[in-house]
């Protein structure tokens, strides 16, 4: 069993990390629900049919859409573009425009999110108006990487009442030691 901690600064929210980990280990699922079950699993998104934020999507669905898109990223980086579509305005201000965002995702810290083999999703934890979800991806070589997705519901147009991603933080893995 492994525990996860961030190798970088703590997320901006005051989320209780032990609470997140408890939620993660107690409710790990092998896959998050993906919208549009009629879409073939290995079909990348084309720019015309890219999903967009909607008030009808839950935080878990937003994360699942982003993960599916990144898993199926293509040579034109359409998967990265989908993930950027779901970045909150504050996130886009810090990481955009799209070409800069592409470089950030291709950074070794986040690169495991591209074209990974599988993922496990923890339970969404709601705290102080934000949603947090721990994700563990397994890359094509079998290596695992954990990430904390933090989302907030937007209160301004054009994305009013839509859950959007404020941050994705890579979590460092380390073995749990018995006491």
C-alpha atoms as a PDB file:
ATOM      1  CA  UNK A   1       0.000   0.000   0.000  1.00  0.00           C
ATOM      2  CA  UNK A   2       1.218   3.514  -0.761  1.00  0.00           C
ATOM      3  CA  UNK A   3       0.438   6.939   0.592  1.00  0.00           C
ATOM      4  CA  UNK A   4       0.726  10.122  -1.394  1.00  0.00           C
ATOM      5  CA  UNK A   5       2.089  13.559  -0.640  1.00  0.00           C
ATOM      6  CA  UNK A   6       2.726  16.545  -2.809  1.00  0.00           C
ATOM      7  CA  UNK A   7       6.301  17.216  -3.965  1.00  0.00           C
ATOM      8  CA  UNK A   8       5.332  20.809  -4.605  1.00  0.00           C
ATOM      9  CA  UNK A   9       3.439  23.409  -2.646  1.00  0.00           C
ATOM     10  CA  UNK A  10       0.181  22.517  -0.974  1.00  0.00           C
ATOM     11  CA  UNK A  11      -3.049  23.083  -2.923  1.00  0.00           C
ATOM     12  CA  UNK A  12      -4.494  26.546  -2.395  1.00  0.00           C
ATOM     13  CA  UNK A  13      -7.569  25.234  -0.619  1.00  0.00           C
ATOM     14  CA  UNK A  14      -7.674  24.299   3.026  1.00  0.00           C
ATOM     15  CA  UNK A  15      -8.686  20.745   2.218  1.00  0.00           C
ATOM     16  CA  UNK A  16      -7.845  18.171   4.839  1.00  0.00           C
ATOM     17  CA  UNK A  17      -5.285  15.880   3.205  1.00  0.00           C
ATOM     18  CA  UNK A  18      -5.917  12.953   5.610  1.00  0.00           C
ATOM     19  CA  UNK A  19      -9.631  13.269   4.820  1.00  0.00           C
ATOM     20  CA  UNK A  20      -8.839  13.049   1.104  1.00  0.00           C
ATOM     21  CA  UNK A  21      -6.677   9.989   1.602  1.00  0.00           C
ATOM     22  CA  UNK A  22      -9.335   8.299   3.725  1.00  0.00           C
ATOM     23  CA  UNK A  23     -11.874   8.983   0.999  1.00  0.00           C
ATOM     24  CA  UNK A  24      -9.408   7.716  -1.592  1.00  0.00           C
ATOM     25  CA  UNK A  25      -8.563   4.388   0.031  1.00  0.00           C
ATOM     26  CA  UNK A  26     -12.072   3.662   1.267  1.00  0.00           C
ATOM     27  CA  UNK A  27     -13.810   4.150  -2.071  1.00  0.00           C
ATOM     28  CA  UNK A  28     -11.338   3.487  -4.866  1.00  0.00           C
ATOM     29  CA  UNK A  29     -13.092   2.557  -8.064  1.00  0.00           C
ATOM     30  CA  UNK A  30     -11.457   0.975 -11.067  1.00  0.00           C
ATOM     31  CA  UNK A  31     -12.868   3.595 -13.414  1.00  0.00           C
ATOM     32  CA  UNK A  32     -14.901   6.755 -13.121  1.00  0.00           C
ATOM     33  CA  UNK A  33     -18.150   6.987 -15.060  1.00  0.00           C
ATOM     34  CA  UNK A  34     -17.580   8.414 -18.516  1.00  0.00           C
ATOM     35  CA  UNK A  35     -20.251  10.409 -20.324  1.00  0.00           C
ATOM     36  CA  UNK A  36     -21.458   9.256 -23.749  1.00  0.00           C
ATOM     37  CA  UNK A  37     -21.180   5.475 -23.418  1.00  0.00           C
ATOM     38  CA  UNK A  38     -21.924   5.128 -27.162  1.00  0.00           C
ATOM     39  CA  UNK A  39     -18.569   6.712 -28.100  1.00  0.00           C
ATOM     40  CA  UNK A  40     -15.939   4.077 -28.970  1.00  0.00           C
ATOM     41  CA  UNK A  41     -13.397   3.802 -26.166  1.00  0.00           C
ATOM     42  CA  UNK A  42     -10.264   4.434 -28.236  1.00  0.00           C
ATOM     43  CA  UNK A  43     -11.631   7.215 -30.421  1.00  0.00           C
ATOM     44  CA  UNK A  44      -9.877  10.549 -29.774  1.00  0.00           C
ATOM     45  CA  UNK A  45     -11.898  13.725 -29.697  1.00  0.00           C
ATOM     46  CA  UNK A  46     -12.029  15.741 -32.881  1.00  0.00           C
ATOM     47  CA  UNK A  47     -12.014  19.546 -32.402  1.00  0.00           C
ATOM     48  CA  UNK A  48     -15.608  19.750 -33.648  1.00  0.00           C
ATOM     49  CA  UNK A  49     -17.034  17.352 -31.062  1.00  0.00           C
ATOM     50  CA  UNK A  50     -14.954  18.319 -28.031  1.00  0.00           C
ATOM     51  CA  UNK A  51     -16.986  18.261 -24.829  1.00  0.00           C
ATOM     52  CA  UNK A  52     -17.494  21.601 -23.147  1.00  0.00           C
ATOM     53  CA  UNK A  53     -18.368  22.635 -19.568  1.00  0.00           C
ATOM     54  CA  UNK A  54     -22.020  22.225 -18.652  1.00  0.00           C
ATOM     55  CA  UNK A  55     -24.007  22.754 -15.436  1.00  0.00           C
ATOM     56  CA  UNK A  56     -25.266  19.189 -15.941  1.00  0.00           C
ATOM     57  CA  UNK A  57     -21.816  17.695 -15.252  1.00  0.00           C
ATOM     58  CA  UNK A  58     -20.730  16.654 -11.764  1.00  0.00           C
ATOM     59  CA  UNK A  59     -17.138  17.138 -10.549  1.00  0.00           C
ATOM     60  CA  UNK A  60     -16.444  13.415 -11.109  1.00  0.00           C
ATOM     61  CA  UNK A  61     -17.746  13.644 -14.667  1.00  0.00           C
ATOM     62  CA  UNK A  62     -15.558  16.685 -15.385  1.00  0.00           C
ATOM     63  CA  UNK A  63     -12.464  14.850 -14.148  1.00  0.00           C
ATOM     64  CA  UNK A  64     -13.452  11.730 -16.115  1.00  0.00           C
ATOM     65  CA  UNK A  65     -13.869  13.756 -19.318  1.00  0.00           C
ATOM     66  CA  UNK A  66     -10.458  15.339 -18.851  1.00  0.00           C
ATOM     67  CA  UNK A  67      -8.824  11.977 -18.112  1.00  0.00           C
ATOM     68  CA  UNK A  68     -10.419  10.277 -21.119  1.00  0.00           C
ATOM     69  CA  UNK A  69      -9.274  13.117 -23.371  1.00  0.00           C
ATOM     70  CA  UNK A  70      -5.710  13.045 -22.022  1.00  0.00           C
ATOM     71  CA  UNK A  71      -5.612   9.255 -22.272  1.00  0.00           C
ATOM     72  CA  UNK A  72      -6.566   9.533 -25.953  1.00  0.00           C
ATOM     73  CA  UNK A  73      -4.451  12.591 -26.756  1.00  0.00           C
ATOM     74  CA  UNK A  74      -3.422  12.639 -30.416  1.00  0.00           C
ATOM     75  CA  UNK A  75      -0.707  14.268 -32.527  1.00  0.00           C
ATOM     76  CA  UNK A  76      -2.764  17.482 -32.734  1.00  0.00           C
ATOM     77  CA  UNK A  77      -3.109  17.543 -28.914  1.00  0.00           C
ATOM     78  CA  UNK A  78      -6.913  17.466 -29.063  1.00  0.00           C
ATOM     79  CA  UNK A  79      -6.963  15.700 -25.691  1.00  0.00           C
ATOM     80  CA  UNK A  80      -4.957  18.494 -24.085  1.00  0.00           C
ATOM     81  CA  UNK A  81      -7.348  21.003 -25.676  1.00  0.00           C
ATOM     82  CA  UNK A  82     -10.317  19.248 -24.058  1.00  0.00           C
ATOM     83  CA  UNK A  83      -8.597  19.383 -20.665  1.00  0.00           C
ATOM     84  CA  UNK A  84      -7.955  23.097 -21.212  1.00  0.00           C
ATOM     85  CA  UNK A  85     -11.662  23.613 -22.058  1.00  0.00           C
ATOM     86  CA  UNK A  86     -12.482  22.469 -18.523  1.00  0.00           C
ATOM     87  CA  UNK A  87      -9.844  24.620 -16.793  1.00  0.00           C
ATOM     88  CA  UNK A  88     -11.411  27.375 -14.702  1.00  0.00           C
ATOM     89  CA  UNK A  89     -10.859  30.996 -15.769  1.00  0.00           C
ATOM     90  CA  UNK A  90      -8.398  31.428 -12.880  1.00  0.00           C
ATOM     91  CA  UNK A  91      -6.521  28.290 -13.956  1.00  0.00           C
ATOM     92  CA  UNK A  92      -6.451  29.469 -17.590  1.00  0.00           C
ATOM     93  CA  UNK A  93      -5.075  32.856 -16.505  1.00  0.00           C
ATOM     94  CA  UNK A  94      -2.172  31.086 -14.784  1.00  0.00           C
ATOM     95  CA  UNK A  95      -1.510  28.300 -17.313  1.00  0.00           C
ATOM     96  CA  UNK A  96      -2.771  29.605 -20.673  1.00  0.00           C
ATOM     97  CA  UNK A  97      -3.003  30.235 -23.488  1.00  0.00           C
ATOM     98  CA  UNK A  98      -3.491  26.747 -24.933  1.00  0.00           C
ATOM     99  CA  UNK A  99       0.022  26.478 -26.434  1.00  0.00           C
ATOM    100  CA  UNK A 100       1.587  27.224 -23.039  1.00  0.00           C
ATOM    101  CA  UNK A 101      -0.806  24.765 -21.374  1.00  0.00           C
ATOM    102  CA  UNK A 102       0.346  22.073 -23.835  1.00  0.00           C
ATOM    103  CA  UNK A 103       3.950  22.642 -22.745  1.00  0.00           C
ATOM    104  CA  UNK A 104       2.971  22.407 -19.081  1.00  0.00           C
ATOM    105  CA  UNK A 105       1.140  19.103 -19.603  1.00  0.00           C
ATOM    106  CA  UNK A 106       4.159  17.716 -21.461  1.00  0.00           C
ATOM    107  CA  UNK A 107       6.410  18.611 -18.508  1.00  0.00           C
ATOM    108  CA  UNK A 108       7.742  15.409 -16.852  1.00  0.00           C
ATOM    109  CA  UNK A 109       5.683  16.205 -13.747  1.00  0.00           C
ATOM    110  CA  UNK A 110       2.381  15.923 -15.655  1.00  0.00           C
ATOM    111  CA  UNK A 111       3.400  13.799 -18.638  1.00  0.00           C
ATOM    112  CA  UNK A 112       2.079  10.572 -17.019  1.00  0.00           C
ATOM    113  CA  UNK A 113      -1.402  11.982 -17.705  1.00  0.00           C
ATOM    114  CA  UNK A 114      -0.829  11.652 -21.455  1.00  0.00           C
ATOM    115  CA  UNK A 115      -1.845   8.406 -23.157  1.00  0.00           C
ATOM    116  CA  UNK A 116      -1.836   6.423 -19.902  1.00  0.00           C
ATOM    117  CA  UNK A 117      -3.053   2.815 -19.826  1.00  0.00           C
ATOM    118  CA  UNK A 118      -5.581   2.998 -16.964  1.00  0.00           C
ATOM    119  CA  UNK A 119      -6.643   4.984 -13.935  1.00  0.00           C
ATOM    120  CA  UNK A 120      -8.270   4.586 -10.541  1.00  0.00           C
ATOM    121  CA  UNK A 121     -10.433   7.345  -9.145  1.00  0.00           C
ATOM    122  CA  UNK A 122     -11.038   8.089  -5.489  1.00  0.00           C
ATOM    123  CA  UNK A 123     -14.273   9.444  -4.108  1.00  0.00           C
ATOM    124  CA  UNK A 124     -14.987  13.131  -4.690  1.00  0.00           C
ATOM    125  CA  UNK A 125     -14.580  15.024  -1.429  1.00  0.00           C
ATOM    126  CA  UNK A 126     -16.588  18.238  -1.078  1.00  0.00           C
ATOM    127  CA  UNK A 127     -15.128  20.839   1.253  1.00  0.00           C
ATOM    128  CA  UNK A 128     -15.851  24.561   1.513  1.00  0.00           C
ATOM    129  CA  UNK A 129     -17.498  24.787  -1.914  1.00  0.00           C
ATOM    130  CA  UNK A 130     -14.719  22.920  -3.680  1.00  0.00           C
ATOM    131  CA  UNK A 131     -14.503  19.364  -4.971  1.00  0.00           C
ATOM    132  CA  UNK A 132     -11.318  17.300  -4.674  1.00  0.00           C
ATOM    133  CA  UNK A 133     -10.542  13.930  -6.231  1.00  0.00           C
ATOM    134  CA  UNK A 134      -7.391  11.819  -6.106  1.00  0.00           C
ATOM    135  CA  UNK A 135      -6.567   9.952  -9.307  1.00  0.00           C
ATOM    136  CA  UNK A 136      -3.873   7.315  -9.848  1.00  0.00           C
ATOM    137  CA  UNK A 137      -2.869   6.690 -13.459  1.00  0.00           C
ATOM    138  CA  UNK A 138      -0.856   3.748 -14.728  1.00  0.00           C
ATOM    139  CA  UNK A 139       1.266   4.543 -17.769  1.00  0.00           C
ATOM    140  CA  UNK A 140       2.049   2.227 -20.682  1.00  0.00           C
ATOM    141  CA  UNK A 141       5.120   0.873 -18.815  1.00  0.00           C
ATOM    142  CA  UNK A 142       3.145   0.082 -15.655  1.00  0.00           C
ATOM    143  CA  UNK A 143       4.424   3.042 -13.604  1.00  0.00           C
ATOM    144  CA  UNK A 144       1.892   4.780 -11.388  1.00  0.00           C
ATOM    145  CA  UNK A 145       1.463   8.479 -10.701  1.00  0.00           C
ATOM    146  CA  UNK A 146      -1.080  10.146  -8.408  1.00  0.00           C
ATOM    147  CA  UNK A 147      -2.744  13.517  -8.913  1.00  0.00           C
ATOM    148  CA  UNK A 148      -5.122  15.653  -6.882  1.00  0.00           C
ATOM    149  CA  UNK A 149      -7.773  17.403  -9.005  1.00  0.00           C
ATOM    150  CA  UNK A 150      -9.412  20.434  -7.346  1.00  0.00           C
ATOM    151  CA  UNK A 151     -12.535  21.952  -8.881  1.00  0.00           C
ATOM    152  CA  UNK A 152     -14.930  24.782  -8.133  1.00  0.00           C
ATOM    153  CA  UNK A 153     -18.375  25.719  -9.384  1.00  0.00           C
ATOM    154  CA  UNK A 154     -18.153  28.865 -11.471  1.00  0.00           C
ATOM    155  CA  UNK A 155     -20.336  31.846 -10.607  1.00  0.00           C
ATOM    156  CA  UNK A 156     -19.935  33.956 -13.762  1.00  0.00           C
ATOM    157  CA  UNK A 157     -20.981  33.613 -17.364  1.00  0.00           C
ATOM    158  CA  UNK A 158     -20.269  31.967 -19.718  1.00  0.00           C
ATOM    159  CA  UNK A 159     -19.671  29.016 -17.359  1.00  0.00           C
ATOM    160  CA  UNK A 160     -22.030  29.861 -14.521  1.00  0.00           C
ATOM    161  CA  UNK A 161     -22.857  26.796 -12.385  1.00  0.00           C
ATOM    162  CA  UNK A 162     -20.287  24.633 -14.217  1.00  0.00           C
ATOM    163  CA  UNK A 163     -17.685  22.636 -12.313  1.00  0.00           C
ATOM    164  CA  UNK A 164     -14.233  23.468 -13.672  1.00  0.00           C
ATOM    165  CA  UNK A 165     -10.716  22.443 -12.674  1.00  0.00           C
ATOM    166  CA  UNK A 166      -8.767  24.975 -10.598  1.00  0.00           C
ATOM    167  CA  UNK A 167      -5.644  22.865 -10.195  1.00  0.00           C
ATOM    168  CA  UNK A 168      -4.055  19.475 -10.721  1.00  0.00           C
ATOM    169  CA  UNK A 169      -1.257  18.677  -8.282  1.00  0.00           C
ATOM    170  CA  UNK A 170       1.092  15.720  -8.695  1.00  0.00           C
ATOM    171  CA  UNK A 171       1.345  13.680  -5.507  1.00  0.00           C
ATOM    172  CA  UNK A 172       4.543  11.861  -4.640  1.00  0.00           C
ATOM    173  CA  UNK A 173       4.229   8.207  -3.685  1.00  0.00           C
ATOM    174  CA  UNK A 174       6.030   6.636  -0.770  1.00  0.00           C
ATOM    175  CA  UNK A 175       5.547   3.371   1.080  1.00  0.00           C
ATOM    176  CA  UNK A 176       3.489   3.339   4.250  1.00  0.00           C
ATOM    177  CA  UNK A 177       5.522   2.177   7.218  1.00  0.00           C
ATOM    178  CA  UNK A 178       3.939   0.132   9.993  1.00  0.00           C
ATOM    179  CA  UNK A 179       4.204   1.544  13.532  1.00  0.00           C
END
